[in-house]
Amino acid sequence: SEALKKTREELGYSISNITLERQNAQTIFKLQIANEGSTEKEGQLVDIVFIDKNGNEEARMALYIRKIEAGGSIETQATINNDFTNVYDFKLETRK
């Protein structure tokens, strides 16, 4: 959906270039994460929460965001063993 692909601010990061791809029996979630702040952000483990059109959680998967220098960005990806290419949106949550 267009909602899934829109650039957004999540957990103090700027998230862009978001794609979901199906490969064999897996969904690959790719994104670019930028630290637009003035200080380095330490690496952290987060949950990607996939949301349906009604705002309900469909699935969640872990993603480690490595350390990003102030003004820097990384490209990263996470893989899940199901087809979630039709999810409506997502959000990031700090892993508990």
N, C-alpha and C. Protein backbone atom coordinates (compact mmCIF):
# COMPACT_ATOMS: atom_id res chain seq x y z
N SER A 1 0.84 -1.20 0.00
CA SER A 1 0.00 0.00 0.00
C SER A 1 0.87 1.25 0.00
N GLU A 2 0.28 2.34 -0.34
CA GLU A 2 1.00 3.62 -0.31
C GLU A 2 1.34 4.03 1.11
N ALA A 3 0.47 3.68 2.08
CA ALA A 3 0.74 4.01 3.49
C ALA A 3 2.03 3.36 3.96
N LEU A 4 2.25 2.13 3.55
CA LEU A 4 3.44 1.40 3.95
C LEU A 4 4.71 2.04 3.41
N LYS A 5 4.65 2.59 2.21
CA LYS A 5 5.84 3.10 1.53
C LYS A 5 6.21 4.53 1.89
N LYS A 6 5.35 5.24 2.63
CA LYS A 6 5.61 6.65 2.88
C LYS A 6 6.77 6.85 3.86
N THR A 7 7.56 7.89 3.63
CA THR A 7 8.65 8.26 4.54
C THR A 7 8.04 8.69 5.86
N ARG A 8 8.69 8.32 6.96
CA ARG A 8 8.13 8.58 8.28
C ARG A 8 9.22 8.74 9.33
N GLU A 9 8.84 9.25 10.48
CA GLU A 9 9.71 9.32 11.65
C GLU A 9 9.25 8.24 12.62
N GLU A 10 10.19 7.40 13.04
CA GLU A 10 9.90 6.33 13.98
C GLU A 10 11.07 6.20 14.95
N LEU A 11 10.79 6.24 16.25
CA LEU A 11 11.80 6.04 17.30
C LEU A 11 13.01 6.96 17.13
N GLY A 12 12.78 8.16 16.61
CA GLY A 12 13.87 9.11 16.43
C GLY A 12 14.67 8.92 15.15
N TYR A 13 14.21 8.03 14.28
CA TYR A 13 14.86 7.79 12.99
C TYR A 13 13.96 8.29 11.87
N SER A 14 14.55 8.62 10.74
CA SER A 14 13.80 8.89 9.52
C SER A 14 13.84 7.60 8.69
N ILE A 15 12.67 7.07 8.35
CA ILE A 15 12.57 5.80 7.63
C ILE A 15 12.08 6.09 6.21
N SER A 16 12.79 5.56 5.20
CA SER A 16 12.41 5.79 3.80
C SER A 16 12.81 4.60 2.94
N ASN A 17 12.50 4.69 1.64
CA ASN A 17 12.83 3.63 0.66
C ASN A 17 12.37 2.25 1.14
N ILE A 18 11.12 2.17 1.52
CA ILE A 18 10.56 0.97 2.13
C ILE A 18 10.01 0.05 1.04
N THR A 19 10.42 -1.22 1.08
CA THR A 19 9.87 -2.21 0.13
C THR A 19 9.61 -3.53 0.85
N LEU A 20 8.62 -4.24 0.35
CA LEU A 20 8.34 -5.62 0.76
C LEU A 20 8.43 -6.48 -0.48
N GLU A 21 9.22 -7.53 -0.41
CA GLU A 21 9.38 -8.43 -1.55
C GLU A 21 9.12 -9.87 -1.11
N ARG A 22 8.52 -10.62 -1.99
CA ARG A 22 8.30 -12.05 -1.76
C ARG A 22 9.38 -12.83 -2.48
N GLN A 23 10.08 -13.68 -1.74
CA GLN A 23 11.08 -14.58 -2.34
C GLN A 23 10.86 -15.97 -1.77
N ASN A 24 10.48 -16.89 -2.64
CA ASN A 24 10.15 -18.25 -2.23
C ASN A 24 9.07 -18.18 -1.16
N ALA A 25 9.30 -18.71 0.03
CA ALA A 25 8.27 -18.69 1.08
C ALA A 25 8.54 -17.59 2.11
N GLN A 26 9.30 -16.57 1.73
CA GLN A 26 9.68 -15.53 2.68
C GLN A 26 9.28 -14.14 2.18
N THR A 27 9.07 -13.24 3.15
CA THR A 27 8.87 -11.83 2.85
C THR A 27 10.11 -11.09 3.32
N ILE A 28 10.68 -10.27 2.44
CA ILE A 28 11.87 -9.49 2.78
C ILE A 28 11.44 -8.02 2.86
N PHE A 29 11.68 -7.44 4.03
CA PHE A 29 11.32 -6.06 4.31
C PHE A 29 12.60 -5.23 4.29
N LYS A 30 12.69 -4.30 3.35
CA LYS A 30 13.89 -3.47 3.19
C LYS A 30 13.55 -2.02 3.48
N LEU A 31 14.49 -1.31 4.10
CA LEU A 31 14.28 0.09 4.40
C LEU A 31 15.59 0.82 4.61
N GLN A 32 15.54 2.12 4.46
CA GLN A 32 16.68 2.98 4.75
C GLN A 32 16.35 3.72 6.05
N ILE A 33 17.32 3.75 6.96
CA ILE A 33 17.13 4.37 8.26
C ILE A 33 18.18 5.46 8.42
N ALA A 34 17.72 6.68 8.69
CA ALA A 34 18.63 7.82 8.83
C ALA A 34 18.55 8.40 10.24
N ASN A 35 19.70 8.82 10.74
CA ASN A 35 19.79 9.52 12.01
C ASN A 35 19.97 11.00 11.67
N GLU A 36 18.90 11.76 11.73
CA GLU A 36 18.96 13.17 11.39
C GLU A 36 19.28 14.04 12.60
N GLY A 37 19.56 13.40 13.74
CA GLY A 37 19.90 14.12 14.96
C GLY A 37 21.35 14.58 14.97
N SER A 38 21.74 15.23 16.05
CA SER A 38 23.09 15.77 16.16
C SER A 38 24.01 14.88 16.97
N THR A 39 23.50 13.73 17.46
CA THR A 39 24.34 12.79 18.22
C THR A 39 24.19 11.39 17.64
N GLU A 40 25.22 10.58 17.83
CA GLU A 40 25.22 9.19 17.38
C GLU A 40 24.12 8.41 18.10
N LYS A 41 23.45 7.51 17.38
CA LYS A 41 22.46 6.62 17.98
C LYS A 41 23.07 5.23 18.08
N GLU A 42 23.06 4.69 19.30
CA GLU A 42 23.58 3.35 19.53
C GLU A 42 22.69 2.31 18.84
N GLY A 43 23.25 1.14 18.57
CA GLY A 43 22.47 0.06 17.98
C GLY A 43 21.37 -0.38 18.92
N GLN A 44 20.26 -0.84 18.36
CA GLN A 44 19.16 -1.31 19.20
C GLN A 44 18.30 -2.33 18.45
N LEU A 45 17.69 -3.21 19.21
CA LEU A 45 16.78 -4.21 18.68
C LEU A 45 15.37 -3.66 18.76
N VAL A 46 14.65 -3.68 17.63
CA VAL A 46 13.28 -3.17 17.58
C VAL A 46 12.37 -4.23 16.98
N ASP A 47 11.08 -4.03 17.14
CA ASP A 47 10.07 -4.86 16.48
C ASP A 47 9.45 -4.08 15.34
N ILE A 48 9.32 -4.70 14.19
CA ILE A 48 8.53 -4.16 13.09
C ILE A 48 7.14 -4.75 13.29
N VAL A 49 6.16 -3.89 13.46
CA VAL A 49 4.78 -4.33 13.68
C VAL A 49 3.99 -4.06 12.40
N PHE A 50 3.56 -5.12 11.73
CA PHE A 50 2.77 -4.99 10.51
C PHE A 50 1.29 -4.82 10.88
N ILE A 51 0.63 -3.87 10.23
CA ILE A 51 -0.72 -3.47 10.59
C ILE A 51 -1.64 -3.62 9.38
N ASP A 52 -2.87 -4.12 9.63
CA ASP A 52 -3.85 -4.21 8.54
C ASP A 52 -4.59 -2.88 8.38
N LYS A 53 -5.49 -2.82 7.42
CA LYS A 53 -6.20 -1.58 7.09
C LYS A 53 -7.05 -1.05 8.25
N ASN A 54 -7.43 -1.94 9.17
CA ASN A 54 -8.26 -1.56 10.32
C ASN A 54 -7.42 -1.17 11.54
N GLY A 55 -6.09 -1.17 11.39
CA GLY A 55 -5.23 -0.80 12.51
C GLY A 55 -4.86 -1.95 13.43
N ASN A 56 -5.23 -3.17 13.05
CA ASN A 56 -4.93 -4.34 13.87
C ASN A 56 -3.56 -4.91 13.52
N GLU A 57 -2.88 -5.43 14.52
CA GLU A 57 -1.57 -6.05 14.30
C GLU A 57 -1.74 -7.38 13.57
N GLU A 58 -1.00 -7.54 12.47
CA GLU A 58 -1.01 -8.80 11.71
C GLU A 58 0.16 -9.68 12.08
N ALA A 59 1.31 -9.07 12.28
CA ALA A 59 2.52 -9.84 12.60
C ALA A 59 3.56 -8.87 13.13
N ARG A 60 4.61 -9.44 13.73
CA ARG A 60 5.75 -8.63 14.14
C ARG A 60 7.02 -9.43 13.90
N MET A 61 8.08 -8.71 13.64
CA MET A 61 9.36 -9.35 13.42
C MET A 61 10.46 -8.46 13.99
N ALA A 62 11.55 -9.07 14.39
CA ALA A 62 12.66 -8.34 14.99
C ALA A 62 13.56 -7.74 13.91
N LEU A 63 14.14 -6.59 14.24
CA LEU A 63 15.11 -5.93 13.37
C LEU A 63 16.16 -5.28 14.25
N TYR A 64 17.43 -5.55 13.98
CA TYR A 64 18.50 -4.86 14.70
C TYR A 64 18.94 -3.67 13.87
N ILE A 65 18.84 -2.49 14.47
CA ILE A 65 19.33 -1.27 13.83
C ILE A 65 20.71 -1.00 14.40
N ARG A 66 21.73 -1.10 13.56
CA ARG A 66 23.10 -0.91 14.05
C ARG A 66 23.37 0.57 14.34
N LYS A 67 24.47 0.84 14.98
CA LYS A 67 24.84 2.20 15.35
C LYS A 67 24.88 3.09 14.11
N ILE A 68 24.32 4.30 14.24
CA ILE A 68 24.30 5.25 13.12
C ILE A 68 24.85 6.58 13.63
N GLU A 69 25.86 7.08 12.95
CA GLU A 69 26.45 8.37 13.31
C GLU A 69 25.45 9.48 13.05
N ALA A 70 25.63 10.61 13.74
CA ALA A 70 24.78 11.79 13.51
C ALA A 70 24.84 12.16 12.03
N GLY A 71 23.71 12.33 11.42
CA GLY A 71 23.64 12.68 10.00
C GLY A 71 23.84 11.51 9.06
N GLY A 72 24.05 10.32 9.59
CA GLY A 72 24.30 9.14 8.76
C GLY A 72 23.04 8.34 8.48
N SER A 73 23.17 7.36 7.59
CA SER A 73 22.04 6.48 7.30
C SER A 73 22.56 5.09 6.92
N ILE A 74 21.69 4.11 7.05
CA ILE A 74 22.01 2.73 6.68
C ILE A 74 20.85 2.16 5.88
N GLU A 75 21.15 1.13 5.11
CA GLU A 75 20.11 0.32 4.48
C GLU A 75 20.12 -1.01 5.22
N THR A 76 18.95 -1.52 5.52
CA THR A 76 18.87 -2.77 6.26
C THR A 76 17.66 -3.56 5.79
N GLN A 77 17.57 -4.80 6.24
CA GLN A 77 16.44 -5.64 5.86
C GLN A 77 16.18 -6.69 6.93
N ALA A 78 14.97 -7.18 6.95
CA ALA A 78 14.56 -8.27 7.84
C ALA A 78 13.74 -9.24 7.01
N THR A 79 13.75 -10.51 7.39
CA THR A 79 13.06 -11.56 6.65
C THR A 79 12.13 -12.33 7.58
N ILE A 80 10.93 -12.63 7.08
CA ILE A 80 9.97 -13.43 7.84
C ILE A 80 9.47 -14.57 6.96
N ASN A 81 9.20 -15.72 7.56
CA ASN A 81 8.82 -16.92 6.80
C ASN A 81 7.32 -17.03 6.57
N ASN A 82 6.72 -15.98 6.02
CA ASN A 82 5.32 -15.98 5.61
C ASN A 82 5.16 -14.90 4.56
N ASP A 83 4.00 -14.87 3.93
CA ASP A 83 3.73 -13.83 2.94
C ASP A 83 3.00 -12.67 3.58
N PHE A 84 3.72 -11.57 3.80
CA PHE A 84 3.13 -10.36 4.35
C PHE A 84 3.26 -9.20 3.36
N THR A 85 3.35 -9.51 2.07
CA THR A 85 3.53 -8.47 1.07
C THR A 85 2.28 -7.61 0.88
N ASN A 86 1.15 -8.03 1.42
CA ASN A 86 -0.08 -7.26 1.26
C ASN A 86 -0.47 -6.51 2.53
N VAL A 87 0.44 -6.36 3.50
CA VAL A 87 0.09 -5.60 4.70
C VAL A 87 -0.13 -4.14 4.34
N TYR A 88 -0.92 -3.45 5.15
CA TYR A 88 -1.29 -2.08 4.86
C TYR A 88 -0.23 -1.08 5.33
N ASP A 89 0.32 -1.28 6.53
CA ASP A 89 1.26 -0.32 7.10
C ASP A 89 2.13 -1.03 8.13
N PHE A 90 3.02 -0.26 8.76
CA PHE A 90 3.86 -0.80 9.81
C PHE A 90 4.24 0.32 10.76
N LYS A 91 4.76 -0.08 11.91
CA LYS A 91 5.38 0.86 12.85
C LYS A 91 6.53 0.14 13.51
N LEU A 92 7.45 0.90 14.08
CA LEU A 92 8.55 0.32 14.84
C LEU A 92 8.29 0.52 16.32
N GLU A 93 8.60 -0.50 17.12
CA GLU A 93 8.49 -0.41 18.55
C GLU A 93 9.79 -0.89 19.19
N THR A 94 10.17 -0.25 20.29
CA THR A 94 11.34 -0.71 21.03
C THR A 94 11.05 -2.11 21.53
N ARG A 95 11.99 -3.02 21.36
CA ARG A 95 11.81 -4.41 21.77
C ARG A 95 11.80 -4.51 23.29
N LYS A 96 10.84 -5.24 23.81
CA LYS A 96 10.72 -5.38 25.27
C LYS A 96 11.31 -6.67 25.74
